[in-house]
């Protein structure tokens, strides 16, 4: 494995053992948070799609069954098992 390096005043230096350990921990923490970051992106997209249709539920409107089903399906999106292969409902 190639030694990890850093630049100090324009000079490339090998990381110390403690610095390499800290870097390994940082990389593991990033990898461990992958599902949480993916879920946050999914929820952000879902919330945007729900916001686009919030007006459907205004007091002077009556939502169709298709609109109600679409919004329910959007709310269920985060419960899908495969976060990397989300099936988004089709907007009526």
PDB file of N, CA and C in Angstrom:
ATOM      1  N   UNK A   1       0.839  -1.165   0.000  1.00  0.00           N
ATOM      2  CA  UNK A   1       0.000   0.000   0.000  1.00  0.00           C
ATOM      3  C   UNK A   1       0.891   1.237   0.000  1.00  0.00           C
ATOM      4  N   UNK A   2       0.453   2.209  -0.757  1.00  0.00           N
ATOM      5  CA  UNK A   2       1.204   3.452  -0.877  1.00  0.00           C
ATOM      6  C   UNK A   2       1.017   4.307   0.379  1.00  0.00           C
ATOM      7  N   UNK A   3       2.077   4.918   0.848  1.00  0.00           N
ATOM      8  CA  UNK A   3       2.006   5.752   2.046  1.00  0.00           C
ATOM      9  C   UNK A   3       1.160   6.994   1.773  1.00  0.00           C
ATOM     10  N   UNK A   4       0.372   7.362   2.756  1.00  0.00           N
ATOM     11  CA  UNK A   4      -0.409   8.584   2.656  1.00  0.00           C
ATOM     12  C   UNK A   4       0.495   9.765   2.951  1.00  0.00           C
ATOM     13  N   UNK A   5       0.266  10.846   2.220  1.00  0.00           N
ATOM     14  CA  UNK A   5       1.126  12.013   2.394  1.00  0.00           C
ATOM     15  C   UNK A   5       0.292  13.267   2.608  1.00  0.00           C
ATOM     16  N   UNK A   6       0.983  14.316   3.021  1.00  0.00           N
ATOM     17  CA  UNK A   6       0.379  15.634   3.198  1.00  0.00           C
ATOM     18  C   UNK A   6       1.386  16.666   2.723  1.00  0.00           C
ATOM     19  N   UNK A   7       0.887  17.863   2.408  1.00  0.00           N
ATOM     20  CA  UNK A   7       1.763  18.967   2.026  1.00  0.00           C
ATOM     21  C   UNK A   7       1.968  19.870   3.237  1.00  0.00           C
ATOM     22  N   UNK A   8       3.217  20.126   3.559  1.00  0.00           N
ATOM     23  CA  UNK A   8       3.561  21.042   4.641  1.00  0.00           C
ATOM     24  C   UNK A   8       4.522  22.068   4.068  1.00  0.00           C
ATOM     25  N   UNK A   9       4.062  23.307   3.979  1.00  0.00           N
ATOM     26  CA  UNK A   9       4.880  24.386   3.401  1.00  0.00           C
ATOM     27  C   UNK A   9       5.420  24.011   2.024  1.00  0.00           C
ATOM     28  N   UNK A  10       4.568  23.369   1.222  1.00  0.00           N
ATOM     29  CA  UNK A  10       4.933  23.016  -0.136  1.00  0.00           C
ATOM     30  C   UNK A  10       5.779  21.756  -0.258  1.00  0.00           C
ATOM     31  N   UNK A  11       6.033  21.086   0.845  1.00  0.00           N
ATOM     32  CA  UNK A  11       6.852  19.872   0.841  1.00  0.00           C
ATOM     33  C   UNK A  11       5.963  18.686   1.205  1.00  0.00           C
ATOM     34  N   UNK A  12       6.006  17.648   0.366  1.00  0.00           N
ATOM     35  CA  UNK A  12       5.200  16.451   0.612  1.00  0.00           C
ATOM     36  C   UNK A  12       5.873  15.607   1.682  1.00  0.00           C
ATOM     37  N   UNK A  13       5.078  15.257   2.710  1.00  0.00           N
ATOM     38  CA  UNK A  13       5.586  14.449   3.823  1.00  0.00           C
ATOM     39  C   UNK A  13       4.635  13.285   4.071  1.00  0.00           C
ATOM     40  N   UNK A  14       5.199  12.161   4.539  1.00  0.00           N
ATOM     41  CA  UNK A  14       4.369  11.019   4.905  1.00  0.00           C
ATOM     42  C   UNK A  14       3.592  11.354   6.166  1.00  0.00           C
ATOM     43  N   UNK A  15       2.360  10.824   6.247  1.00  0.00           N
ATOM     44  CA  UNK A  15       1.582  10.988   7.469  1.00  0.00           C
ATOM     45  C   UNK A  15       2.199  10.147   8.574  1.00  0.00           C
ATOM     46  N   UNK A  16       2.072  10.634   9.797  1.00  0.00           N
ATOM     47  CA  UNK A  16       2.521   9.833  10.929  1.00  0.00           C
ATOM     48  C   UNK A  16       1.532   8.690  11.125  1.00  0.00           C
ATOM     49  N   UNK A  17       1.910   7.743  11.945  1.00  0.00           N
ATOM     50  CA  UNK A  17       1.013   6.612  12.221  1.00  0.00           C
ATOM     51  C   UNK A  17      -0.290   7.117  12.847  1.00  0.00           C
ATOM     52  N   UNK A  18      -0.210   8.079  13.742  1.00  0.00           N
ATOM     53  CA  UNK A  18      -1.406   8.636  14.378  1.00  0.00           C
ATOM     54  C   UNK A  18      -2.282   9.345  13.345  1.00  0.00           C
ATOM     55  N   UNK A  19      -1.675  10.067  12.411  1.00  0.00           N
ATOM     56  CA  UNK A  19      -2.435  10.755  11.365  1.00  0.00           C
ATOM     57  C   UNK A  19      -3.114   9.751  10.432  1.00  0.00           C
ATOM     58  N   UNK A  20      -2.407   8.663  10.119  1.00  0.00           N
ATOM     59  CA  UNK A  20      -3.008   7.626   9.274  1.00  0.00           C
ATOM     60  C   UNK A  20      -4.191   6.972   9.987  1.00  0.00           C
ATOM     61  N   UNK A  21      -4.040   6.715  11.284  1.00  0.00           N
ATOM     62  CA  UNK A  21      -5.132   6.131  12.067  1.00  0.00           C
ATOM     63  C   UNK A  21      -6.330   7.076  12.085  1.00  0.00           C
ATOM     64  N   UNK A  22      -6.091   8.360  12.297  1.00  0.00           N
ATOM     65  CA  UNK A  22      -7.171   9.350  12.312  1.00  0.00           C
ATOM     66  C   UNK A  22      -7.856   9.394  10.953  1.00  0.00           C
ATOM     67  N   UNK A  23      -7.064   9.326   9.884  1.00  0.00           N
ATOM     68  CA  UNK A  23      -7.627   9.338   8.526  1.00  0.00           C
ATOM     69  C   UNK A  23      -8.474   8.094   8.284  1.00  0.00           C
ATOM     70  N   UNK A  24      -8.002   6.938   8.738  1.00  0.00           N
ATOM     71  CA  UNK A  24      -8.765   5.696   8.588  1.00  0.00           C
ATOM     72  C   UNK A  24     -10.109   5.797   9.324  1.00  0.00           C
ATOM     73  N   UNK A  25     -10.089   6.387  10.511  1.00  0.00           N
ATOM     74  CA  UNK A  25     -11.315   6.554  11.289  1.00  0.00           C
ATOM     75  C   UNK A  25     -12.277   7.480  10.551  1.00  0.00           C
ATOM     76  N   UNK A  26     -11.767   8.586  10.011  1.00  0.00           N
ATOM     77  CA  UNK A  26     -12.603   9.513   9.239  1.00  0.00           C
ATOM     78  C   UNK A  26     -13.254   8.809   8.045  1.00  0.00           C
ATOM     79  N   UNK A  27     -12.470   8.024   7.323  1.00  0.00           N
ATOM     80  CA  UNK A  27     -12.998   7.316   6.163  1.00  0.00           C
ATOM     81  C   UNK A  27     -14.063   6.302   6.571  1.00  0.00           C
ATOM     82  N   UNK A  28     -13.858   5.613   7.696  1.00  0.00           N
ATOM     83  CA  UNK A  28     -14.837   4.641   8.163  1.00  0.00           C
ATOM     84  C   UNK A  28     -16.125   5.334   8.593  1.00  0.00           C
ATOM     85  N   UNK A  29     -15.994   6.462   9.276  1.00  0.00           N
ATOM     86  CA  UNK A  29     -17.184   7.219   9.679  1.00  0.00           C
ATOM     87  C   UNK A  29     -17.970   7.686   8.459  1.00  0.00           C
ATOM     88  N   UNK A  30     -17.262   8.139   7.428  1.00  0.00           N
ATOM     89  CA  UNK A  30     -17.930   8.572   6.192  1.00  0.00           C
ATOM     90  C   UNK A  30     -18.662   7.397   5.551  1.00  0.00           C
ATOM     91  N   UNK A  31     -17.996   6.251   5.464  1.00  0.00           N
ATOM     92  CA  UNK A  31     -18.616   5.064   4.864  1.00  0.00           C
ATOM     93  C   UNK A  31     -19.817   4.609   5.686  1.00  0.00           C
ATOM     94  N   UNK A  32     -19.702   4.653   7.003  1.00  0.00           N
ATOM     95  CA  UNK A  32     -20.805   4.223   7.870  1.00  0.00           C
ATOM     96  C   UNK A  32     -22.025   5.126   7.721  1.00  0.00           C
ATOM     97  N   UNK A  33     -21.830   6.368   7.321  1.00  0.00           N
ATOM     98  CA  UNK A  33     -22.933   7.310   7.174  1.00  0.00           C
ATOM     99  C   UNK A  33     -23.572   7.312   5.803  1.00  0.00           C
ATOM    100  N   UNK A  34     -23.154   6.422   4.927  1.00  0.00           N
ATOM    101  CA  UNK A  34     -23.653   6.395   3.554  1.00  0.00           C
ATOM    102  C   UNK A  34     -25.169   6.229   3.477  1.00  0.00           C
ATOM    103  N   UNK A  35     -25.719   5.278   4.233  1.00  0.00           N
ATOM    104  CA  UNK A  35     -27.167   5.046   4.195  1.00  0.00           C
ATOM    105  C   UNK A  35     -27.927   6.263   4.712  1.00  0.00           C
ATOM    106  N   UNK A  36     -27.397   6.904   5.737  1.00  0.00           N
ATOM    107  CA  UNK A  36     -28.062   8.086   6.291  1.00  0.00           C
ATOM    108  C   UNK A  36     -28.068   9.232   5.275  1.00  0.00           C
ATOM    109  N   UNK A  37     -26.966   9.406   4.548  1.00  0.00           N
ATOM    110  CA  UNK A  37     -26.917  10.459   3.518  1.00  0.00           C
ATOM    111  C   UNK A  37     -27.876  10.133   2.380  1.00  0.00           C
ATOM    112  N   UNK A  38     -27.927   8.879   1.979  1.00  0.00           N
ATOM    113  CA  UNK A  38     -28.852   8.466   0.922  1.00  0.00           C
ATOM    114  C   UNK A  38     -30.287   8.702   1.363  1.00  0.00           C
ATOM    115  N   UNK A  39     -30.618   8.324   2.591  1.00  0.00           N
ATOM    116  CA  UNK A  39     -31.976   8.523   3.098  1.00  0.00           C
ATOM    117  C   UNK A  39     -32.318  10.012   3.161  1.00  0.00           C
ATOM    118  N   UNK A  40     -31.376  10.841   3.551  1.00  0.00           N
ATOM    119  CA  UNK A  40     -31.631  12.287   3.608  1.00  0.00           C
ATOM    120  C   UNK A  40     -31.951  12.829   2.220  1.00  0.00           C
ATOM    121  N   UNK A  41     -31.238  12.361   1.198  1.00  0.00           N
ATOM    122  CA  UNK A  41     -31.506  12.798  -0.178  1.00  0.00           C
ATOM    123  C   UNK A  41     -32.886  12.335  -0.638  1.00  0.00           C
ATOM    124  N   UNK A  42     -33.233  11.098  -0.307  1.00  0.00           N
ATOM    125  CA  UNK A  42     -34.541  10.554  -0.686  1.00  0.00           C
ATOM    126  C   UNK A  42     -35.649  11.370  -0.027  1.00  0.00           C
ATOM    127  N   UNK A  43     -35.512  11.632   1.254  1.00  0.00           N
ATOM    128  CA  UNK A  43     -36.538  12.406   1.968  1.00  0.00           C
ATOM    129  C   UNK A  43     -36.638  13.828   1.423  1.00  0.00           C
ATOM    130  N   UNK A  44     -35.496  14.406   1.078  1.00  0.00           N
ATOM    131  CA  UNK A  44     -35.511  15.759   0.511  1.00  0.00           C
ATOM    132  C   UNK A  44     -36.294  15.791  -0.804  1.00  0.00           C
ATOM    133  N   UNK A  45     -36.033  14.813  -1.675  1.00  0.00           N
ATOM    134  CA  UNK A  45     -36.755  14.750  -2.943  1.00  0.00           C
ATOM    135  C   UNK A  45     -38.238  14.476  -2.707  1.00  0.00           C
ATOM    136  N   UNK A  46     -38.543  13.531  -1.821  1.00  0.00           N
ATOM    137  CA  UNK A  46     -39.921  13.200  -1.490  1.00  0.00           C
ATOM    138  C   UNK A  46     -40.652  14.423  -0.949  1.00  0.00           C
ATOM    139  N   UNK A  47     -40.011  15.152  -0.026  1.00  0.00           N
ATOM    140  CA  UNK A  47     -40.636  16.334   0.569  1.00  0.00           C
ATOM    141  C   UNK A  47     -40.922  17.398  -0.488  1.00  0.00           C
ATOM    142  N   UNK A  48     -40.024  17.529  -1.465  1.00  0.00           N
ATOM    143  CA  UNK A  48     -40.257  18.475  -2.553  1.00  0.00           C
ATOM    144  C   UNK A  48     -41.455  18.083  -3.400  1.00  0.00           C
ATOM    145  N   UNK A  49     -41.574  16.785  -3.689  1.00  0.00           N
ATOM    146  CA  UNK A  49     -42.718  16.308  -4.472  1.00  0.00           C
ATOM    147  C   UNK A  49     -44.024  16.483  -3.709  1.00  0.00           C
ATOM    148  N   UNK A  50     -43.992  16.248  -2.404  1.00  0.00           N
ATOM    149  CA  UNK A  50     -45.190  16.479  -1.600  1.00  0.00           C
ATOM    150  C   UNK A  50     -45.545  17.967  -1.572  1.00  0.00           C
ATOM    151  N   UNK A  51     -44.550  18.815  -1.442  1.00  0.00           N
ATOM    152  CA  UNK A  51     -44.797  20.263  -1.400  1.00  0.00           C
ATOM    153  C   UNK A  51     -45.438  20.751  -2.700  1.00  0.00           C
ATOM    154  N   UNK A  52     -45.022  20.164  -3.824  1.00  0.00           N
ATOM    155  CA  UNK A  52     -45.608  20.545  -5.116  1.00  0.00           C
ATOM    156  C   UNK A  52     -47.103  20.262  -5.179  1.00  0.00           C
ATOM    157  N   UNK A  53     -47.565  19.304  -4.381  1.00  0.00           N
ATOM    158  CA  UNK A  53     -48.973  18.912  -4.436  1.00  0.00           C
ATOM    159  C   UNK A  53     -49.745  19.306  -3.186  1.00  0.00           C
ATOM    160  N   UNK A  54     -49.135  20.068  -2.305  1.00  0.00           N
ATOM    161  CA  UNK A  54     -49.837  20.486  -1.085  1.00  0.00           C
ATOM    162  C   UNK A  54     -51.136  21.221  -1.403  1.00  0.00           C
ATOM    163  N   UNK A  55     -51.141  21.965  -2.484  1.00  0.00           N
ATOM    164  CA  UNK A  55     -52.333  22.740  -2.829  1.00  0.00           C
ATOM    165  C   UNK A  55     -53.530  21.841  -3.136  1.00  0.00           C
ATOM    166  N   UNK A  56     -53.253  20.571  -3.483  1.00  0.00           N
ATOM    167  CA  UNK A  56     -54.360  19.649  -3.745  1.00  0.00           C
ATOM    168  C   UNK A  56     -55.264  19.510  -2.516  1.00  0.00           C
ATOM    169  N   UNK A  57     -54.664  19.657  -1.343  1.00  0.00           N
ATOM    170  CA  UNK A  57     -55.413  19.468  -0.115  1.00  0.00           C
ATOM    171  C   UNK A  57     -55.985  20.754   0.461  1.00  0.00           C
ATOM    172  N   UNK A  58     -55.971  21.825  -0.310  1.00  0.00           N
ATOM    173  CA  UNK A  58     -56.531  23.087   0.169  1.00  0.00           C
ATOM    174  C   UNK A  58     -58.015  22.909   0.487  1.00  0.00           C
ATOM    175  N   UNK A  59     -58.499  23.730   1.383  1.00  0.00           N
ATOM    176  CA  UNK A  59     -59.878  23.567   1.858  1.00  0.00           C
ATOM    177  C   UNK A  59     -60.923  23.726   0.755  1.00  0.00           C
ATOM    178  N   UNK A  60     -60.581  24.421  -0.327  1.00  0.00           N
ATOM    179  CA  UNK A  60     -61.572  24.597  -1.400  1.00  0.00           C
ATOM    180  C   UNK A  60     -61.408  23.560  -2.515  1.00  0.00           C
ATOM    181  N   UNK A  61     -60.553  22.562  -2.304  1.00  0.00           N
ATOM    182  CA  UNK A  61     -60.346  21.481  -3.273  1.00  0.00           C
ATOM    183  C   UNK A  61     -60.742  20.149  -2.653  1.00  0.00           C
ATOM    184  N   UNK A  62     -61.084  19.210  -3.500  1.00  0.00           N
ATOM    185  CA  UNK A  62     -61.290  17.836  -3.067  1.00  0.00           C
ATOM    186  C   UNK A  62     -60.332  16.976  -3.873  1.00  0.00           C
ATOM    187  N   UNK A  63     -59.446  16.274  -3.167  1.00  0.00           N
ATOM    188  CA  UNK A  63     -58.474  15.434  -3.863  1.00  0.00           C
ATOM    189  C   UNK A  63     -59.160  14.218  -4.459  1.00  0.00           C
ATOM    190  N   UNK A  64     -58.711  13.850  -5.656  1.00  0.00           N
ATOM    191  CA  UNK A  64     -59.198  12.616  -6.275  1.00  0.00           C
ATOM    192  C   UNK A  64     -58.564  11.428  -5.555  1.00  0.00           C
ATOM    193  N   UNK A  65     -59.081  10.251  -5.799  1.00  0.00           N
ATOM    194  CA  UNK A  65     -58.487   9.046  -5.217  1.00  0.00           C
ATOM    195  C   UNK A  65     -57.051   8.875  -5.707  1.00  0.00           C
ATOM    196  N   UNK A  66     -56.813   9.203  -6.978  1.00  0.00           N
ATOM    197  CA  UNK A  66     -55.462   9.079  -7.537  1.00  0.00           C
ATOM    198  C   UNK A  66     -54.495  10.041  -6.846  1.00  0.00           C
ATOM    199  N   UNK A  67     -54.934  11.253  -6.572  1.00  0.00           N
ATOM    200  CA  UNK A  67     -54.084  12.228  -5.891  1.00  0.00           C
ATOM    201  C   UNK A  67     -53.783  11.772  -4.461  1.00  0.00           C
ATOM    202  N   UNK A  68     -54.794  11.284  -3.784  1.00  0.00           N
ATOM    203  CA  UNK A  68     -54.606  10.788  -2.416  1.00  0.00           C
ATOM    204  C   UNK A  68     -53.639   9.609  -2.404  1.00  0.00           C
ATOM    205  N   UNK A  69     -53.795   8.694  -3.357  1.00  0.00           N
ATOM    206  CA  UNK A  69     -52.912   7.520  -3.449  1.00  0.00           C
ATOM    207  C   UNK A  69     -51.481   7.934  -3.760  1.00  0.00           C
ATOM    208  N   UNK A  70     -51.319   8.913  -4.639  1.00  0.00           N
ATOM    209  CA  UNK A  70     -49.984   9.402  -4.998  1.00  0.00           C
ATOM    210  C   UNK A  70     -49.278   9.962  -3.763  1.00  0.00           C
ATOM    211  N   UNK A  71     -49.971  10.812  -3.018  1.00  0.00           N
ATOM    212  CA  UNK A  71     -49.359  11.410  -1.827  1.00  0.00           C
ATOM    213  C   UNK A  71     -49.050  10.350  -0.773  1.00  0.00           C
ATOM    214  N   UNK A  72     -49.919   9.367  -0.631  1.00  0.00           N
ATOM    215  CA  UNK A  72     -49.656   8.275   0.313  1.00  0.00           C
ATOM    216  C   UNK A  72     -48.427   7.472  -0.124  1.00  0.00           C
ATOM    217  N   UNK A  73     -48.323   7.218  -1.422  1.00  0.00           N
ATOM    218  CA  UNK A  73     -47.171   6.474  -1.949  1.00  0.00           C
ATOM    219  C   UNK A  73     -45.880   7.263  -1.731  1.00  0.00           C
ATOM    220  N   UNK A  74     -45.937   8.589  -1.883  1.00  0.00           N
ATOM    221  CA  UNK A  74     -44.753   9.416  -1.619  1.00  0.00           C
ATOM    222  C   UNK A  74     -44.338   9.308  -0.151  1.00  0.00           C
ATOM    223  N   UNK A  75     -45.317   9.333   0.739  1.00  0.00           N
ATOM    224  CA  UNK A  75     -44.988   9.227   2.161  1.00  0.00           C
ATOM    225  C   UNK A  75     -44.378   7.866   2.492  1.00  0.00           C
ATOM    226  N   UNK A  76     -44.710   6.838   1.719  1.00  0.00           N
ATOM    227  CA  UNK A  76     -44.186   5.494   1.954  1.00  0.00           C
ATOM    228  C   UNK A  76     -42.814   5.248   1.315  1.00  0.00           C
ATOM    229  N   UNK A  77     -42.342   6.151   0.479  1.00  0.00           N
ATOM    230  CA  UNK A  77     -41.075   5.941  -0.239  1.00  0.00           C
ATOM    231  C   UNK A  77     -39.911   5.603   0.702  1.00  0.00           C
ATOM    232  N   UNK A  78     -39.704   6.310   1.820  1.00  0.00           N
ATOM    233  CA  UNK A  78     -38.554   5.977   2.675  1.00  0.00           C
ATOM    234  C   UNK A  78     -38.588   4.571   3.261  1.00  0.00           C
ATOM    235  N   UNK A  79     -39.727   3.913   3.248  1.00  0.00           N
ATOM    236  CA  UNK A  79     -39.825   2.563   3.804  1.00  0.00           C
ATOM    237  C   UNK A  79     -39.382   1.484   2.812  1.00  0.00           C
ATOM    238  N   UNK A  80     -39.075   1.878   1.568  1.00  0.00           N
ATOM    239  CA  UNK A  80     -38.647   0.886   0.584  1.00  0.00           C
ATOM    240  C   UNK A  80     -37.327   0.257   1.023  1.00  0.00           C
ATOM    241  N   UNK A  81     -37.166  -1.009   0.748  1.00  0.00           N
ATOM    242  CA  UNK A  81     -36.026  -1.769   1.241  1.00  0.00           C
ATOM    243  C   UNK A  81     -34.699  -1.383   0.585  1.00  0.00           C
ATOM    244  N   UNK A  82     -34.694  -1.143  -0.707  1.00  0.00           N
ATOM    245  CA  UNK A  82     -33.446  -0.875  -1.433  1.00  0.00           C
ATOM    246  C   UNK A  82     -33.307   0.630  -1.668  1.00  0.00           C
ATOM    247  N   UNK A  83     -32.519   1.274  -0.846  1.00  0.00           N
ATOM    248  CA  UNK A  83     -32.360   2.727  -0.932  1.00  0.00           C
ATOM    249  C   UNK A  83     -31.686   3.171  -2.225  1.00  0.00           C
ATOM    250  N   UNK A  84     -30.992   2.266  -2.872  1.00  0.00           N
ATOM    251  CA  UNK A  84     -30.289   2.622  -4.103  1.00  0.00           C
ATOM    252  C   UNK A  84     -31.119   2.340  -5.347  1.00  0.00           C
ATOM    253  N   UNK A  85     -32.341   1.872  -5.155  1.00  0.00           N
ATOM    254  CA  UNK A  85     -33.203   1.568  -6.287  1.00  0.00           C
ATOM    255  C   UNK A  85     -34.640   1.930  -5.917  1.00  0.00           C
ATOM    256  N   UNK A  86     -34.874   3.218  -5.679  1.00  0.00           N
ATOM    257  CA  UNK A  86     -36.179   3.701  -5.243  1.00  0.00           C
ATOM    258  C   UNK A  86     -37.153   3.700  -6.417  1.00  0.00           C
ATOM    259  N   UNK A  87     -38.369   3.239  -6.153  1.00  0.00           N
ATOM    260  CA  UNK A  87     -39.445   3.295  -7.131  1.00  0.00           C
ATOM    261  C   UNK A  87     -40.336   4.474  -6.751  1.00  0.00           C
ATOM    262  N   UNK A  88     -40.313   5.512  -7.584  1.00  0.00           N
ATOM    263  CA  UNK A  88     -41.101   6.705  -7.312  1.00  0.00           C
ATOM    264  C   UNK A  88     -42.484   6.536  -7.939  1.00  0.00           C
ATOM    265  N   UNK A  89     -43.523   6.942  -7.208  1.00  0.00           N
ATOM    266  CA  UNK A  89     -44.874   6.844  -7.777  1.00  0.00           C
ATOM    267  C   UNK A  89     -45.044   7.847  -8.917  1.00  0.00           C
ATOM    268  N   UNK A  90     -45.950   7.539  -9.819  1.00  0.00           N
ATOM    269  CA  UNK A  90     -46.213   8.409 -10.954  1.00  0.00           C
ATOM    270  C   UNK A  90     -47.281   9.423 -10.571  1.00  0.00           C
ATOM    271  N   UNK A  91     -46.984  10.678 -10.852  1.00  0.00           N
ATOM    272  CA  UNK A  91     -47.910  11.756 -10.510  1.00  0.00           C
ATOM    273  C   UNK A  91     -49.139  11.694 -11.417  1.00  0.00           C
ATOM    274  N   UNK A  92     -50.347  11.739 -10.820  1.00  0.00           N
ATOM    275  CA  UNK A  92     -51.559  11.651 -11.635  1.00  0.00           C
ATOM    276  C   UNK A  92     -51.797  12.952 -12.410  1.00  0.00           C
TER     277      UNK A  92
END
